Amino acid sequence: MSEQKYDVFQVVDMIGTERFQGVFTKSDLSKIMDGALYRKPFLGETGIQPEWINPLIDLVQIEEE
């Protein structure tokens, strides 16, 4: 089974978004700008840190065909 793919939308202002070019997996997003858009859950100094998605983006799942 392959990893879920997402369209990524950047929040431009209070009434709109702008689509990033391309389709990304969460693994792809975690590598962009050292996790500035998405971080997978990890074990930190204070315990397990949850998944984090930058509030300035919106991930929309792409339906598998």
PDB file of N, CA and C in Angstrom:
ATOM      1  N   MET A   1       0.844  -1.180   0.000  1.00  0.00           N
ATOM      2  CA  MET A   1       0.000   0.000   0.000  1.00  0.00           C
ATOM      3  C   MET A   1       0.889   1.242   0.000  1.00  0.00           C
ATOM      4  N   SER A   2       0.585   2.183  -0.871  1.00  0.00           N
ATOM      5  CA  SER A   2       1.403   3.383  -0.960  1.00  0.00           C
ATOM      6  C   SER A   2       0.912   4.445   0.024  1.00  0.00           C
ATOM      7  N   GLU A   3       1.783   5.392   0.290  1.00  0.00           N
ATOM      8  CA  GLU A   3       1.470   6.466   1.223  1.00  0.00           C
ATOM      9  C   GLU A   3       0.407   7.399   0.627  1.00  0.00           C
ATOM     10  N   GLN A   4      -0.498   7.902   1.472  1.00  0.00           N
ATOM     11  CA  GLN A   4      -1.566   8.811   1.036  1.00  0.00           C
ATOM     12  C   GLN A   4      -0.959  10.067   0.415  1.00  0.00           C
ATOM     13  N   LYS A   5      -1.557  10.539  -0.678  1.00  0.00           N
ATOM     14  CA  LYS A   5      -1.089  11.740  -1.360  1.00  0.00           C
ATOM     15  C   LYS A   5      -2.052  12.886  -1.104  1.00  0.00           C
ATOM     16  N   TYR A   6      -1.501  14.113  -1.103  1.00  0.00           N
ATOM     17  CA  TYR A   6      -2.283  15.298  -0.760  1.00  0.00           C
ATOM     18  C   TYR A   6      -2.009  16.425  -1.750  1.00  0.00           C
ATOM     19  N   ASP A   7      -3.059  17.210  -2.033  1.00  0.00           N
ATOM     20  CA  ASP A   7      -2.887  18.523  -2.617  1.00  0.00           C
ATOM     21  C   ASP A   7      -2.622  19.437  -1.439  1.00  0.00           C
ATOM     22  N   VAL A   8      -1.742  20.405  -1.606  1.00  0.00           N
ATOM     23  CA  VAL A   8      -1.402  21.317  -0.521  1.00  0.00           C
ATOM     24  C   VAL A   8      -1.833  22.718  -0.921  1.00  0.00           C
ATOM     25  N   PHE A   9      -2.605  23.356  -0.064  1.00  0.00           N
ATOM     26  CA  PHE A   9      -3.073  24.708  -0.311  1.00  0.00           C
ATOM     27  C   PHE A   9      -2.495  25.633   0.742  1.00  0.00           C
ATOM     28  N   GLN A  10      -1.970  26.772   0.301  1.00  0.00           N
ATOM     29  CA  GLN A  10      -1.436  27.787   1.203  1.00  0.00           C
ATOM     30  C   GLN A  10      -2.531  28.804   1.473  1.00  0.00           C
ATOM     31  N   VAL A  11      -2.722  29.149   2.749  1.00  0.00           N
ATOM     32  CA  VAL A  11      -3.682  30.183   3.091  1.00  0.00           C
ATOM     33  C   VAL A  11      -3.081  31.520   2.682  1.00  0.00           C
ATOM     34  N   VAL A  12      -3.768  32.214   1.760  1.00  0.00           N
ATOM     35  CA  VAL A  12      -3.265  33.491   1.252  1.00  0.00           C
ATOM     36  C   VAL A  12      -3.789  34.638   2.098  1.00  0.00           C
ATOM     37  N   ASP A  13      -5.054  34.603   2.408  1.00  0.00           N
ATOM     38  CA  ASP A  13      -5.664  35.603   3.283  1.00  0.00           C
ATOM     39  C   ASP A  13      -6.900  34.984   3.917  1.00  0.00           C
ATOM     40  N   MET A  14      -7.709  35.773   4.554  1.00  0.00           N
ATOM     41  CA  MET A  14      -8.864  35.249   5.276  1.00  0.00           C
ATOM     42  C   MET A  14      -9.929  34.634   4.365  1.00  0.00           C
ATOM     43  N   ILE A  15      -9.911  34.957   3.076  1.00  0.00           N
ATOM     44  CA  ILE A  15     -10.976  34.464   2.200  1.00  0.00           C
ATOM     45  C   ILE A  15     -10.491  33.554   1.083  1.00  0.00           C
ATOM     46  N   GLY A  16      -9.225  33.217   1.057  1.00  0.00           N
ATOM     47  CA  GLY A  16      -8.779  32.388  -0.047  1.00  0.00           C
ATOM     48  C   GLY A  16      -7.536  31.575   0.225  1.00  0.00           C
ATOM     49  N   THR A  17      -7.308  30.615  -0.674  1.00  0.00           N
ATOM     50  CA  THR A  17      -6.116  29.776  -0.624  1.00  0.00           C
ATOM     51  C   THR A  17      -5.507  29.714  -2.015  1.00  0.00           C
ATOM     52  N   GLU A  18      -4.281  29.266  -2.082  1.00  0.00           N
ATOM     53  CA  GLU A  18      -3.581  29.103  -3.352  1.00  0.00           C
ATOM     54  C   GLU A  18      -2.960  27.720  -3.365  1.00  0.00           C
ATOM     55  N   ARG A  19      -3.158  26.975  -4.450  1.00  0.00           N
ATOM     56  CA  ARG A  19      -2.678  25.592  -4.524  1.00  0.00           C
ATOM     57  C   ARG A  19      -1.190  25.559  -4.852  1.00  0.00           C
ATOM     58  N   PHE A  20      -0.436  24.731  -4.113  1.00  0.00           N
ATOM     59  CA  PHE A  20       0.962  24.470  -4.440  1.00  0.00           C
ATOM     60  C   PHE A  20       0.991  23.639  -5.716  1.00  0.00           C
ATOM     61  N   GLN A  21       2.043  23.772  -6.494  1.00  0.00           N
ATOM     62  CA  GLN A  21       2.207  22.939  -7.687  1.00  0.00           C
ATOM     63  C   GLN A  21       2.686  21.564  -7.257  1.00  0.00           C
ATOM     64  N   GLY A  22       1.996  20.523  -7.698  1.00  0.00           N
ATOM     65  CA  GLY A  22       2.430  19.167  -7.397  1.00  0.00           C
ATOM     66  C   GLY A  22       1.555  18.493  -6.367  1.00  0.00           C
ATOM     67  N   VAL A  23       1.813  17.219  -6.186  1.00  0.00           N
ATOM     68  CA  VAL A  23       1.122  16.376  -5.219  1.00  0.00           C
ATOM     69  C   VAL A  23       2.183  15.862  -4.256  1.00  0.00           C
ATOM     70  N   PHE A  24       1.872  15.878  -2.968  1.00  0.00           N
ATOM     71  CA  PHE A  24       2.866  15.541  -1.958  1.00  0.00           C
ATOM     72  C   PHE A  24       2.353  14.464  -1.021  1.00  0.00           C
ATOM     73  N   THR A  25       3.274  13.681  -0.469  1.00  0.00           N
ATOM     74  CA  THR A  25       2.967  12.801   0.648  1.00  0.00           C
ATOM     75  C   THR A  25       3.437  13.523   1.910  1.00  0.00           C
ATOM     76  N   LYS A  26       3.039  13.034   3.066  1.00  0.00           N
ATOM     77  CA  LYS A  26       3.504  13.661   4.309  1.00  0.00           C
ATOM     78  C   LYS A  26       5.012  13.522   4.455  1.00  0.00           C
ATOM     79  N   SER A  27       5.578  12.427   3.952  1.00  0.00           N
ATOM     80  CA  SER A  27       7.041  12.256   3.978  1.00  0.00           C
ATOM     81  C   SER A  27       7.725  13.335   3.151  1.00  0.00           C
ATOM     82  N   ASP A  28       7.146  13.632   1.964  1.00  0.00           N
ATOM     83  CA  ASP A  28       7.691  14.707   1.127  1.00  0.00           C
ATOM     84  C   ASP A  28       7.652  16.030   1.882  1.00  0.00           C
ATOM     85  N   LEU A  29       6.507  16.332   2.488  1.00  0.00           N
ATOM     86  CA  LEU A  29       6.340  17.608   3.183  1.00  0.00           C
ATOM     87  C   LEU A  29       7.280  17.739   4.376  1.00  0.00           C
ATOM     88  N   SER A  30       7.573  16.639   5.046  1.00  0.00           N
ATOM     89  CA  SER A  30       8.453  16.708   6.212  1.00  0.00           C
ATOM     90  C   SER A  30       9.895  17.057   5.827  1.00  0.00           C
ATOM     91  N   LYS A  31      10.247  16.864   4.565  1.00  0.00           N
ATOM     92  CA  LYS A  31      11.609  17.155   4.097  1.00  0.00           C
ATOM     93  C   LYS A  31      11.761  18.590   3.590  1.00  0.00           C
ATOM     94  N   ILE A  32      10.645  19.269   3.335  1.00  0.00           N
ATOM     95  CA  ILE A  32      10.688  20.631   2.816  1.00  0.00           C
ATOM     96  C   ILE A  32      11.003  21.589   3.948  1.00  0.00           C
ATOM     97  N   MET A  33      12.015  22.412   3.772  1.00  0.00           N
ATOM     98  CA  MET A  33      12.432  23.427   4.746  1.00  0.00           C
ATOM     99  C   MET A  33      12.558  22.843   6.157  1.00  0.00           C
ATOM    100  N   ASP A  34      13.129  21.644   6.242  1.00  0.00           N
ATOM    101  CA  ASP A  34      13.407  20.987   7.525  1.00  0.00           C
ATOM    102  C   ASP A  34      12.168  20.881   8.409  1.00  0.00           C
ATOM    103  N   GLY A  35      11.034  20.524   7.783  1.00  0.00           N
ATOM    104  CA  GLY A  35       9.808  20.306   8.545  1.00  0.00           C
ATOM    105  C   GLY A  35       8.990  21.550   8.820  1.00  0.00           C
ATOM    106  N   ALA A  36       9.191  22.610   8.059  1.00  0.00           N
ATOM    107  CA  ALA A  36       8.439  23.854   8.290  1.00  0.00           C
ATOM    108  C   ALA A  36       6.963  23.725   7.919  1.00  0.00           C
ATOM    109  N   LEU A  37       6.618  22.737   7.070  1.00  0.00           N
ATOM    110  CA  LEU A  37       5.226  22.548   6.666  1.00  0.00           C
ATOM    111  C   LEU A  37       4.554  21.406   7.411  1.00  0.00           C
ATOM    112  N   TYR A  38       5.324  20.358   7.750  1.00  0.00           N
ATOM    113  CA  TYR A  38       4.751  19.182   8.388  1.00  0.00           C
ATOM    114  C   TYR A  38       5.829  18.452   9.181  1.00  0.00           C
ATOM    115  N   ARG A  39       5.450  17.980  10.373  1.00  0.00           N
ATOM    116  CA  ARG A  39       6.357  17.138  11.173  1.00  0.00           C
ATOM    117  C   ARG A  39       5.614  15.894  11.612  1.00  0.00           C
ATOM    118  N   LYS A  40       6.261  14.748  11.408  1.00  0.00           N
ATOM    119  CA  LYS A  40       5.702  13.470  11.856  1.00  0.00           C
ATOM    120  C   LYS A  40       5.809  13.394  13.378  1.00  0.00           C
ATOM    121  N   PRO A  41       4.974  12.564  14.012  1.00  0.00           N
ATOM    122  CA  PRO A  41       5.112  12.358  15.459  1.00  0.00           C
ATOM    123  C   PRO A  41       6.522  11.824  15.779  1.00  0.00           C
ATOM    124  N   PHE A  42       7.084  12.262  16.902  1.00  0.00           N
ATOM    125  CA  PHE A  42       8.415  11.801  17.283  1.00  0.00           C
ATOM    126  C   PHE A  42       8.548  11.804  18.799  1.00  0.00           C
ATOM    127  N   LEU A  43       9.538  11.088  19.291  1.00  0.00           N
ATOM    128  CA  LEU A  43       9.821  11.032  20.720  1.00  0.00           C
ATOM    129  C   LEU A  43      10.800  12.148  21.049  1.00  0.00           C
ATOM    130  N   GLY A  44      10.347  13.136  21.784  1.00  0.00           N
ATOM    131  CA  GLY A  44      11.187  14.268  22.178  1.00  0.00           C
ATOM    132  C   GLY A  44      11.575  14.174  23.632  1.00  0.00           C
ATOM    133  N   GLU A  45      12.211  15.229  24.129  1.00  0.00           N
ATOM    134  CA  GLU A  45      12.671  15.261  25.523  1.00  0.00           C
ATOM    135  C   GLU A  45      11.511  15.177  26.508  1.00  0.00           C
ATOM    136  N   THR A  46      10.342  15.686  26.113  1.00  0.00           N
ATOM    137  CA  THR A  46       9.194  15.700  27.020  1.00  0.00           C
ATOM    138  C   THR A  46       8.161  14.629  26.686  1.00  0.00           C
ATOM    139  N   GLY A  47       8.555  13.621  25.917  1.00  0.00           N
ATOM    140  CA  GLY A  47       7.643  12.540  25.552  1.00  0.00           C
ATOM    141  C   GLY A  47       7.308  12.563  24.075  1.00  0.00           C
ATOM    142  N   ILE A  48       6.239  11.876  23.725  1.00  0.00           N
ATOM    143  CA  ILE A  48       5.856  11.783  22.318  1.00  0.00           C
ATOM    144  C   ILE A  48       5.244  13.100  21.865  1.00  0.00           C
ATOM    145  N   GLN A  49       5.819  13.665  20.811  1.00  0.00           N
ATOM    146  CA  GLN A  49       5.313  14.905  20.222  1.00  0.00           C
ATOM    147  C   GLN A  49       4.349  14.538  19.098  1.00  0.00           C
ATOM    148  N   PRO A  50       3.183  15.159  19.046  1.00  0.00           N
ATOM    149  CA  PRO A  50       2.185  14.784  18.041  1.00  0.00           C
ATOM    150  C   PRO A  50       2.536  15.278  16.639  1.00  0.00           C
ATOM    151  N   GLU A  51       1.823  14.737  15.669  1.00  0.00           N
ATOM    152  CA  GLU A  51       1.931  15.218  14.294  1.00  0.00           C
ATOM    153  C   GLU A  51       1.621  16.718  14.295  1.00  0.00           C
ATOM    154  N   TRP A  52       2.347  17.486  13.472  1.00  0.00           N
ATOM    155  CA  TRP A  52       2.121  18.924  13.392  1.00  0.00           C
ATOM    156  C   TRP A  52       2.004  19.330  11.937  1.00  0.00           C
ATOM    157  N   ILE A  53       0.941  20.057  11.615  1.00  0.00           N
ATOM    158  CA  ILE A  53       0.737  20.603  10.276  1.00  0.00           C
ATOM    159  C   ILE A  53       0.712  22.117  10.411  1.00  0.00           C
ATOM    160  N   ASN A  54       1.547  22.796   9.633  1.00  0.00           N
ATOM    161  CA  ASN A  54       1.605  24.249   9.674  1.00  0.00           C
ATOM    162  C   ASN A  54       0.194  24.806   9.470  1.00  0.00           C
ATOM    163  N   PRO A  55      -0.255  25.699  10.362  1.00  0.00           N
ATOM    164  CA  PRO A  55      -1.615  26.232  10.233  1.00  0.00           C
ATOM    165  C   PRO A  55      -1.822  27.104   8.998  1.00  0.00           C
ATOM    166  N   LEU A  56      -0.770  27.444   8.297  1.00  0.00           N
ATOM    167  CA  LEU A  56      -0.888  28.259   7.086  1.00  0.00           C
ATOM    168  C   LEU A  56      -1.077  27.432   5.829  1.00  0.00           C
ATOM    169  N   ILE A  57      -1.185  26.092   5.994  1.00  0.00           N
ATOM    170  CA  ILE A  57      -1.473  25.243   4.834  1.00  0.00           C
ATOM    171  C   ILE A  57      -2.675  24.355   5.148  1.00  0.00           C
ATOM    172  N   ASP A  58      -3.279  23.846   4.110  1.00  0.00           N
ATOM    173  CA  ASP A  58      -4.407  22.931   4.229  1.00  0.00           C
ATOM    174  C   ASP A  58      -4.093  21.719   3.363  1.00  0.00           C
ATOM    175  N   LEU A  59      -4.130  20.516   3.945  1.00  0.00           N
ATOM    176  CA  LEU A  59      -3.880  19.289   3.198  1.00  0.00           C
ATOM    177  C   LEU A  59      -5.207  18.684   2.779  1.00  0.00           C
ATOM    178  N   VAL A  60      -5.357  18.406   1.488  1.00  0.00           N
ATOM    179  CA  VAL A  60      -6.580  17.818   0.955  1.00  0.00           C
ATOM    180  C   VAL A  60      -6.218  16.472   0.348  1.00  0.00           C
ATOM    181  N   GLN A  61      -6.792  15.391   0.910  1.00  0.00           N
ATOM    182  CA  GLN A  61      -6.480  14.037   0.417  1.00  0.00           C
ATOM    183  C   GLN A  61      -6.933  13.895  -1.031  1.00  0.00           C
ATOM    184  N   ILE A  62      -6.104  13.198  -1.802  1.00  0.00           N
ATOM    185  CA  ILE A  62      -6.429  12.894  -3.175  1.00  0.00           C
ATOM    186  C   ILE A  62      -6.997  11.480  -3.221  1.00  0.00           C
ATOM    187  N   GLU A  63      -8.094  11.322  -3.893  1.00  0.00           N
ATOM    188  CA  GLU A  63      -8.719  10.010  -4.007  1.00  0.00           C
ATOM    189  C   GLU A  63      -7.843   9.100  -4.860  1.00  0.00           C
ATOM    190  N   GLU A  64      -7.578   7.899  -4.363  1.00  0.00           N
ATOM    191  CA  GLU A  64      -6.809   6.897  -5.115  1.00  0.00           C
ATOM    192  C   GLU A  64      -7.694   6.307  -6.188  1.00  0.00           C
ATOM    193  N   GLU A  65      -7.151   6.145  -7.393  1.00  0.00           N
ATOM    194  CA  GLU A  65      -7.931   5.573  -8.487  1.00  0.00           C
ATOM    195  C   GLU A  65      -7.663   4.101  -8.636  1.00  0.00           C
TER     196      GLU A  65
END
